[in-house]
């Protein structure tokens, strides 16, 4: 049997990498802008993320007094094999981002109704990255409209599949 090439191995590994998505974010908020940030993590946290044991639902980011960006409310489950030297599941985590980007995000967040929400966590060249969204909250009617357009798109896709079968 022939051995797999390097490219096919990388593609196979990429399929199995976890991509943790915050599904509530697009339902509850309009995403105005996205920024990719690095995460300052402990060893047990990165292992837990690789296992997909993360909840982004209650997460948000905030700039502190030292103009540093921190992630709050994200629950990274303790790593089972770590034993007593495990991390705290909901501790604030520093986000690694350029100062210039922090200043622009701070300006946007100071406007009424805007907030920073984690959209997803993915891996890039072996490092965990977080897509952070500058978001504005949706009203009930906006949420209903989003559901209607999503259902309409599904109906169109079904009709197209039926037609071309």
C-alpha atoms as a PDB file:
ATOM      1  CA  UNK A   1       0.000   0.000   0.000  1.00  0.00           C
ATOM      2  CA  UNK A   2       1.131   3.524  -0.737  1.00  0.00           C
ATOM      3  CA  UNK A   3       1.800   5.882   2.149  1.00  0.00           C
ATOM      4  CA  UNK A   4      -0.292   9.027   2.412  1.00  0.00           C
ATOM      5  CA  UNK A   5       1.297  12.207   1.155  1.00  0.00           C
ATOM      6  CA  UNK A   6       2.002  15.123   3.489  1.00  0.00           C
ATOM      7  CA  UNK A   7      -0.777  17.232   1.973  1.00  0.00           C
ATOM      8  CA  UNK A   8      -3.450  14.565   2.438  1.00  0.00           C
ATOM      9  CA  UNK A   9      -2.317  14.015   6.052  1.00  0.00           C
ATOM     10  CA  UNK A  10      -2.652  17.738   6.759  1.00  0.00           C
ATOM     11  CA  UNK A  11      -6.131  17.817   5.209  1.00  0.00           C
ATOM     12  CA  UNK A  12      -7.184  14.821   7.298  1.00  0.00           C
ATOM     13  CA  UNK A  13      -5.873  16.488  10.457  1.00  0.00           C
ATOM     14  CA  UNK A  14      -7.626  19.757   9.590  1.00  0.00           C
ATOM     15  CA  UNK A  15     -10.968  17.963   9.353  1.00  0.00           C
ATOM     16  CA  UNK A  16     -10.570  16.605  12.887  1.00  0.00           C
ATOM     17  CA  UNK A  17      -9.520  19.873  14.474  1.00  0.00           C
ATOM     18  CA  UNK A  18     -12.241  21.312  16.673  1.00  0.00           C
ATOM     19  CA  UNK A  19     -13.835  24.593  15.697  1.00  0.00           C
ATOM     20  CA  UNK A  20     -15.869  25.873  18.609  1.00  0.00           C
ATOM     21  CA  UNK A  21     -18.675  28.178  17.454  1.00  0.00           C
ATOM     22  CA  UNK A  22     -20.885  30.536  19.451  1.00  0.00           C
ATOM     23  CA  UNK A  23     -24.261  29.826  17.833  1.00  0.00           C
ATOM     24  CA  UNK A  24     -26.126  32.309  20.029  1.00  0.00           C
ATOM     25  CA  UNK A  25     -23.985  35.201  18.793  1.00  0.00           C
ATOM     26  CA  UNK A  26     -25.478  35.391  15.290  1.00  0.00           C
ATOM     27  CA  UNK A  27     -28.981  34.861  16.677  1.00  0.00           C
ATOM     28  CA  UNK A  28     -28.786  37.565  19.365  1.00  0.00           C
ATOM     29  CA  UNK A  29     -26.487  40.132  17.699  1.00  0.00           C
ATOM     30  CA  UNK A  30     -25.702  41.863  14.424  1.00  0.00           C
ATOM     31  CA  UNK A  31     -21.997  41.288  13.789  1.00  0.00           C
ATOM     32  CA  UNK A  32     -20.593  44.593  12.520  1.00  0.00           C
ATOM     33  CA  UNK A  33     -16.897  43.688  12.341  1.00  0.00           C
ATOM     34  CA  UNK A  34     -14.658  40.741  13.216  1.00  0.00           C
ATOM     35  CA  UNK A  35     -11.100  40.661  14.553  1.00  0.00           C
ATOM     36  CA  UNK A  36      -8.840  37.634  15.018  1.00  0.00           C
ATOM     37  CA  UNK A  37      -7.009  37.541  18.346  1.00  0.00           C
ATOM     38  CA  UNK A  38      -4.606  35.156  20.010  1.00  0.00           C
ATOM     39  CA  UNK A  39      -5.376  33.654  23.413  1.00  0.00           C
ATOM     40  CA  UNK A  40      -2.995  33.595  26.366  1.00  0.00           C
ATOM     41  CA  UNK A  41      -3.728  30.096  27.730  1.00  0.00           C
ATOM     42  CA  UNK A  42      -2.346  27.553  30.168  1.00  0.00           C
ATOM     43  CA  UNK A  43      -1.342  24.057  29.050  1.00  0.00           C
ATOM     44  CA  UNK A  44      -4.427  22.341  30.462  1.00  0.00           C
ATOM     45  CA  UNK A  45      -6.673  24.936  28.799  1.00  0.00           C
ATOM     46  CA  UNK A  46      -5.261  24.312  25.330  1.00  0.00           C
ATOM     47  CA  UNK A  47      -5.665  20.557  25.784  1.00  0.00           C
ATOM     48  CA  UNK A  48      -9.297  21.061  26.812  1.00  0.00           C
ATOM     49  CA  UNK A  49      -9.904  23.280  23.758  1.00  0.00           C
ATOM     50  CA  UNK A  50      -8.380  20.620  21.486  1.00  0.00           C
ATOM     51  CA  UNK A  51     -10.906  18.185  22.979  1.00  0.00           C
ATOM     52  CA  UNK A  52     -13.711  20.660  22.216  1.00  0.00           C
ATOM     53  CA  UNK A  53     -14.692  21.228  25.871  1.00  0.00           C
ATOM     54  CA  UNK A  54     -15.450  24.960  25.589  1.00  0.00           C
ATOM     55  CA  UNK A  55     -18.598  27.044  25.957  1.00  0.00           C
ATOM     56  CA  UNK A  56     -18.591  30.519  24.372  1.00  0.00           C
ATOM     57  CA  UNK A  57     -22.279  31.261  24.995  1.00  0.00           C
ATOM     58  CA  UNK A  58     -21.880  33.618  27.978  1.00  0.00           C
ATOM     59  CA  UNK A  59     -18.578  35.137  26.876  1.00  0.00           C
ATOM     60  CA  UNK A  60     -17.697  38.770  26.241  1.00  0.00           C
ATOM     61  CA  UNK A  61     -14.532  40.862  26.003  1.00  0.00           C
ATOM     62  CA  UNK A  62     -13.637  44.108  27.706  1.00  0.00           C
ATOM     63  CA  UNK A  63     -10.707  46.539  27.684  1.00  0.00           C
ATOM     64  CA  UNK A  64      -9.218  47.153  31.145  1.00  0.00           C
ATOM     65  CA  UNK A  65      -7.506  50.280  32.510  1.00  0.00           C
ATOM     66  CA  UNK A  66      -4.095  49.262  31.144  1.00  0.00           C
ATOM     67  CA  UNK A  67      -5.528  49.118  27.581  1.00  0.00           C
ATOM     68  CA  UNK A  68      -5.389  45.327  27.532  1.00  0.00           C
ATOM     69  CA  UNK A  69      -8.192  43.189  26.140  1.00  0.00           C
ATOM     70  CA  UNK A  70      -9.560  40.389  28.341  1.00  0.00           C
ATOM     71  CA  UNK A  71     -12.087  37.624  27.677  1.00  0.00           C
ATOM     72  CA  UNK A  72     -14.659  36.967  30.422  1.00  0.00           C
ATOM     73  CA  UNK A  73     -17.348  34.324  30.917  1.00  0.00           C
ATOM     74  CA  UNK A  74     -15.903  31.676  28.593  1.00  0.00           C
ATOM     75  CA  UNK A  75     -16.035  28.260  30.249  1.00  0.00           C
ATOM     76  CA  UNK A  76     -13.117  25.957  29.389  1.00  0.00           C
ATOM     77  CA  UNK A  77     -13.733  22.645  31.158  1.00  0.00           C
ATOM     78  CA  UNK A  78     -10.943  21.258  33.372  1.00  0.00           C
ATOM     79  CA  UNK A  79      -8.670  18.757  31.630  1.00  0.00           C
ATOM     80  CA  UNK A  80      -9.443  15.291  33.006  1.00  0.00           C
ATOM     81  CA  UNK A  81      -5.852  13.947  32.954  1.00  0.00           C
ATOM     82  CA  UNK A  82      -4.332  16.999  34.677  1.00  0.00           C
ATOM     83  CA  UNK A  83      -5.151  15.947  38.222  1.00  0.00           C
ATOM     84  CA  UNK A  84      -4.761  18.568  40.972  1.00  0.00           C
ATOM     85  CA  UNK A  85      -2.807  21.071  38.822  1.00  0.00           C
ATOM     86  CA  UNK A  86      -5.782  22.113  36.715  1.00  0.00           C
ATOM     87  CA  UNK A  87      -6.932  25.565  35.607  1.00  0.00           C
ATOM     88  CA  UNK A  88      -9.900  27.592  36.832  1.00  0.00           C
ATOM     89  CA  UNK A  89     -12.708  27.079  34.241  1.00  0.00           C
ATOM     90  CA  UNK A  90     -14.030  30.662  33.988  1.00  0.00           C
ATOM     91  CA  UNK A  91     -10.966  32.780  34.719  1.00  0.00           C
ATOM     92  CA  UNK A  92     -10.414  35.979  32.669  1.00  0.00           C
ATOM     93  CA  UNK A  93      -8.063  35.316  29.743  1.00  0.00           C
ATOM     94  CA  UNK A  94      -5.866  37.897  28.057  1.00  0.00           C
ATOM     95  CA  UNK A  95      -6.389  38.393  24.315  1.00  0.00           C
ATOM     96  CA  UNK A  96      -3.304  39.047  22.217  1.00  0.00           C
ATOM     97  CA  UNK A  97      -4.027  41.847  19.768  1.00  0.00           C
ATOM     98  CA  UNK A  98      -2.259  44.963  18.474  1.00  0.00           C
ATOM     99  CA  UNK A  99      -2.572  48.214  20.476  1.00  0.00           C
ATOM    100  CA  UNK A 100      -3.893  50.023  17.400  1.00  0.00           C
ATOM    101  CA  UNK A 101      -6.708  47.482  17.075  1.00  0.00           C
ATOM    102  CA  UNK A 102      -7.505  47.801  20.788  1.00  0.00           C
ATOM    103  CA  UNK A 103      -7.859  51.579  20.417  1.00  0.00           C
ATOM    104  CA  UNK A 104     -10.280  51.265  17.473  1.00  0.00           C
ATOM    105  CA  UNK A 105     -12.314  48.574  19.257  1.00  0.00           C
ATOM    106  CA  UNK A 106     -12.477  50.754  22.389  1.00  0.00           C
ATOM    107  CA  UNK A 107     -13.815  53.648  20.317  1.00  0.00           C
ATOM    108  CA  UNK A 108     -16.502  51.431  18.767  1.00  0.00           C
ATOM    109  CA  UNK A 109     -17.513  49.816  22.077  1.00  0.00           C
ATOM    110  CA  UNK A 110     -18.014  53.228  23.696  1.00  0.00           C
ATOM    111  CA  UNK A 111     -20.878  53.839  21.273  1.00  0.00           C
ATOM    112  CA  UNK A 112     -24.212  52.854  22.775  1.00  0.00           C
ATOM    113  CA  UNK A 113     -25.317  49.263  22.154  1.00  0.00           C
ATOM    114  CA  UNK A 114     -22.001  47.849  20.919  1.00  0.00           C
ATOM    115  CA  UNK A 115     -20.179  44.993  22.622  1.00  0.00           C
ATOM    116  CA  UNK A 116     -17.392  42.493  21.937  1.00  0.00           C
ATOM    117  CA  UNK A 117     -18.574  38.881  21.650  1.00  0.00           C
ATOM    118  CA  UNK A 118     -16.464  35.757  20.965  1.00  0.00           C
ATOM    119  CA  UNK A 119     -17.698  34.158  17.719  1.00  0.00           C
ATOM    120  CA  UNK A 120     -15.494  31.067  17.452  1.00  0.00           C
ATOM    121  CA  UNK A 121     -12.225  29.453  18.445  1.00  0.00           C
ATOM    122  CA  UNK A 122     -10.124  27.765  15.790  1.00  0.00           C
ATOM    123  CA  UNK A 123      -6.543  26.633  15.297  1.00  0.00           C
ATOM    124  CA  UNK A 124      -4.095  28.332  12.962  1.00  0.00           C
ATOM    125  CA  UNK A 125      -0.621  26.839  12.589  1.00  0.00           C
ATOM    126  CA  UNK A 126      -1.069  24.992  15.885  1.00  0.00           C
ATOM    127  CA  UNK A 127      -2.115  28.069  17.876  1.00  0.00           C
ATOM    128  CA  UNK A 128      -5.596  28.749  19.260  1.00  0.00           C
ATOM    129  CA  UNK A 129      -7.178  31.859  17.744  1.00  0.00           C
ATOM    130  CA  UNK A 130     -10.409  33.601  18.697  1.00  0.00           C
ATOM    131  CA  UNK A 131     -12.639  35.464  16.258  1.00  0.00           C
ATOM    132  CA  UNK A 132     -13.985  38.407  18.208  1.00  0.00           C
ATOM    133  CA  UNK A 133     -17.022  40.223  16.851  1.00  0.00           C
ATOM    134  CA  UNK A 134     -17.983  43.838  17.367  1.00  0.00           C
ATOM    135  CA  UNK A 135     -21.727  43.351  17.801  1.00  0.00           C
ATOM    136  CA  UNK A 136     -24.936  45.276  18.293  1.00  0.00           C
ATOM    137  CA  UNK A 137     -27.905  43.594  19.985  1.00  0.00           C
ATOM    138  CA  UNK A 138     -30.962  42.556  17.982  1.00  0.00           C
ATOM    139  CA  UNK A 139     -34.512  43.355  18.958  1.00  0.00           C
ATOM    140  CA  UNK A 140     -37.258  40.696  18.939  1.00  0.00           C
ATOM    141  CA  UNK A 141     -38.539  41.746  15.543  1.00  0.00           C
ATOM    142  CA  UNK A 142     -35.010  41.556  14.100  1.00  0.00           C
ATOM    143  CA  UNK A 143     -34.654  38.018  15.442  1.00  0.00           C
ATOM    144  CA  UNK A 144     -37.986  37.036  13.841  1.00  0.00           C
ATOM    145  CA  UNK A 145     -36.884  38.516  10.525  1.00  0.00           C
ATOM    146  CA  UNK A 146     -33.612  36.562  10.688  1.00  0.00           C
ATOM    147  CA  UNK A 147     -35.533  33.323  11.265  1.00  0.00           C
ATOM    148  CA  UNK A 148     -37.861  34.073   8.342  1.00  0.00           C
ATOM    149  CA  UNK A 149     -35.003  34.734   5.916  1.00  0.00           C
ATOM    150  CA  UNK A 150     -33.183  31.568   7.055  1.00  0.00           C
ATOM    151  CA  UNK A 151     -36.328  29.454   6.531  1.00  0.00           C
ATOM    152  CA  UNK A 152     -36.881  31.087   3.135  1.00  0.00           C
ATOM    153  CA  UNK A 153     -33.325  30.189   2.049  1.00  0.00           C
ATOM    154  CA  UNK A 154     -33.878  26.577   3.154  1.00  0.00           C
ATOM    155  CA  UNK A 155     -37.104  26.360   1.143  1.00  0.00           C
ATOM    156  CA  UNK A 156     -35.363  27.724  -1.957  1.00  0.00           C
ATOM    157  CA  UNK A 157     -32.526  25.214  -1.559  1.00  0.00           C
ATOM    158  CA  UNK A 158     -35.042  22.345  -1.249  1.00  0.00           C
ATOM    159  CA  UNK A 159     -36.893  23.474  -4.359  1.00  0.00           C
ATOM    160  CA  UNK A 160     -33.636  23.701  -6.324  1.00  0.00           C
ATOM    161  CA  UNK A 161     -32.579  20.206  -5.213  1.00  0.00           C
ATOM    162  CA  UNK A 162     -35.977  18.769  -6.211  1.00  0.00           C
ATOM    163  CA  UNK A 163     -35.869  20.449  -9.563  1.00  0.00           C
ATOM    164  CA  UNK A 164     -32.419  19.194 -10.493  1.00  0.00           C
ATOM    165  CA  UNK A 165     -32.810  15.587  -9.279  1.00  0.00           C
END
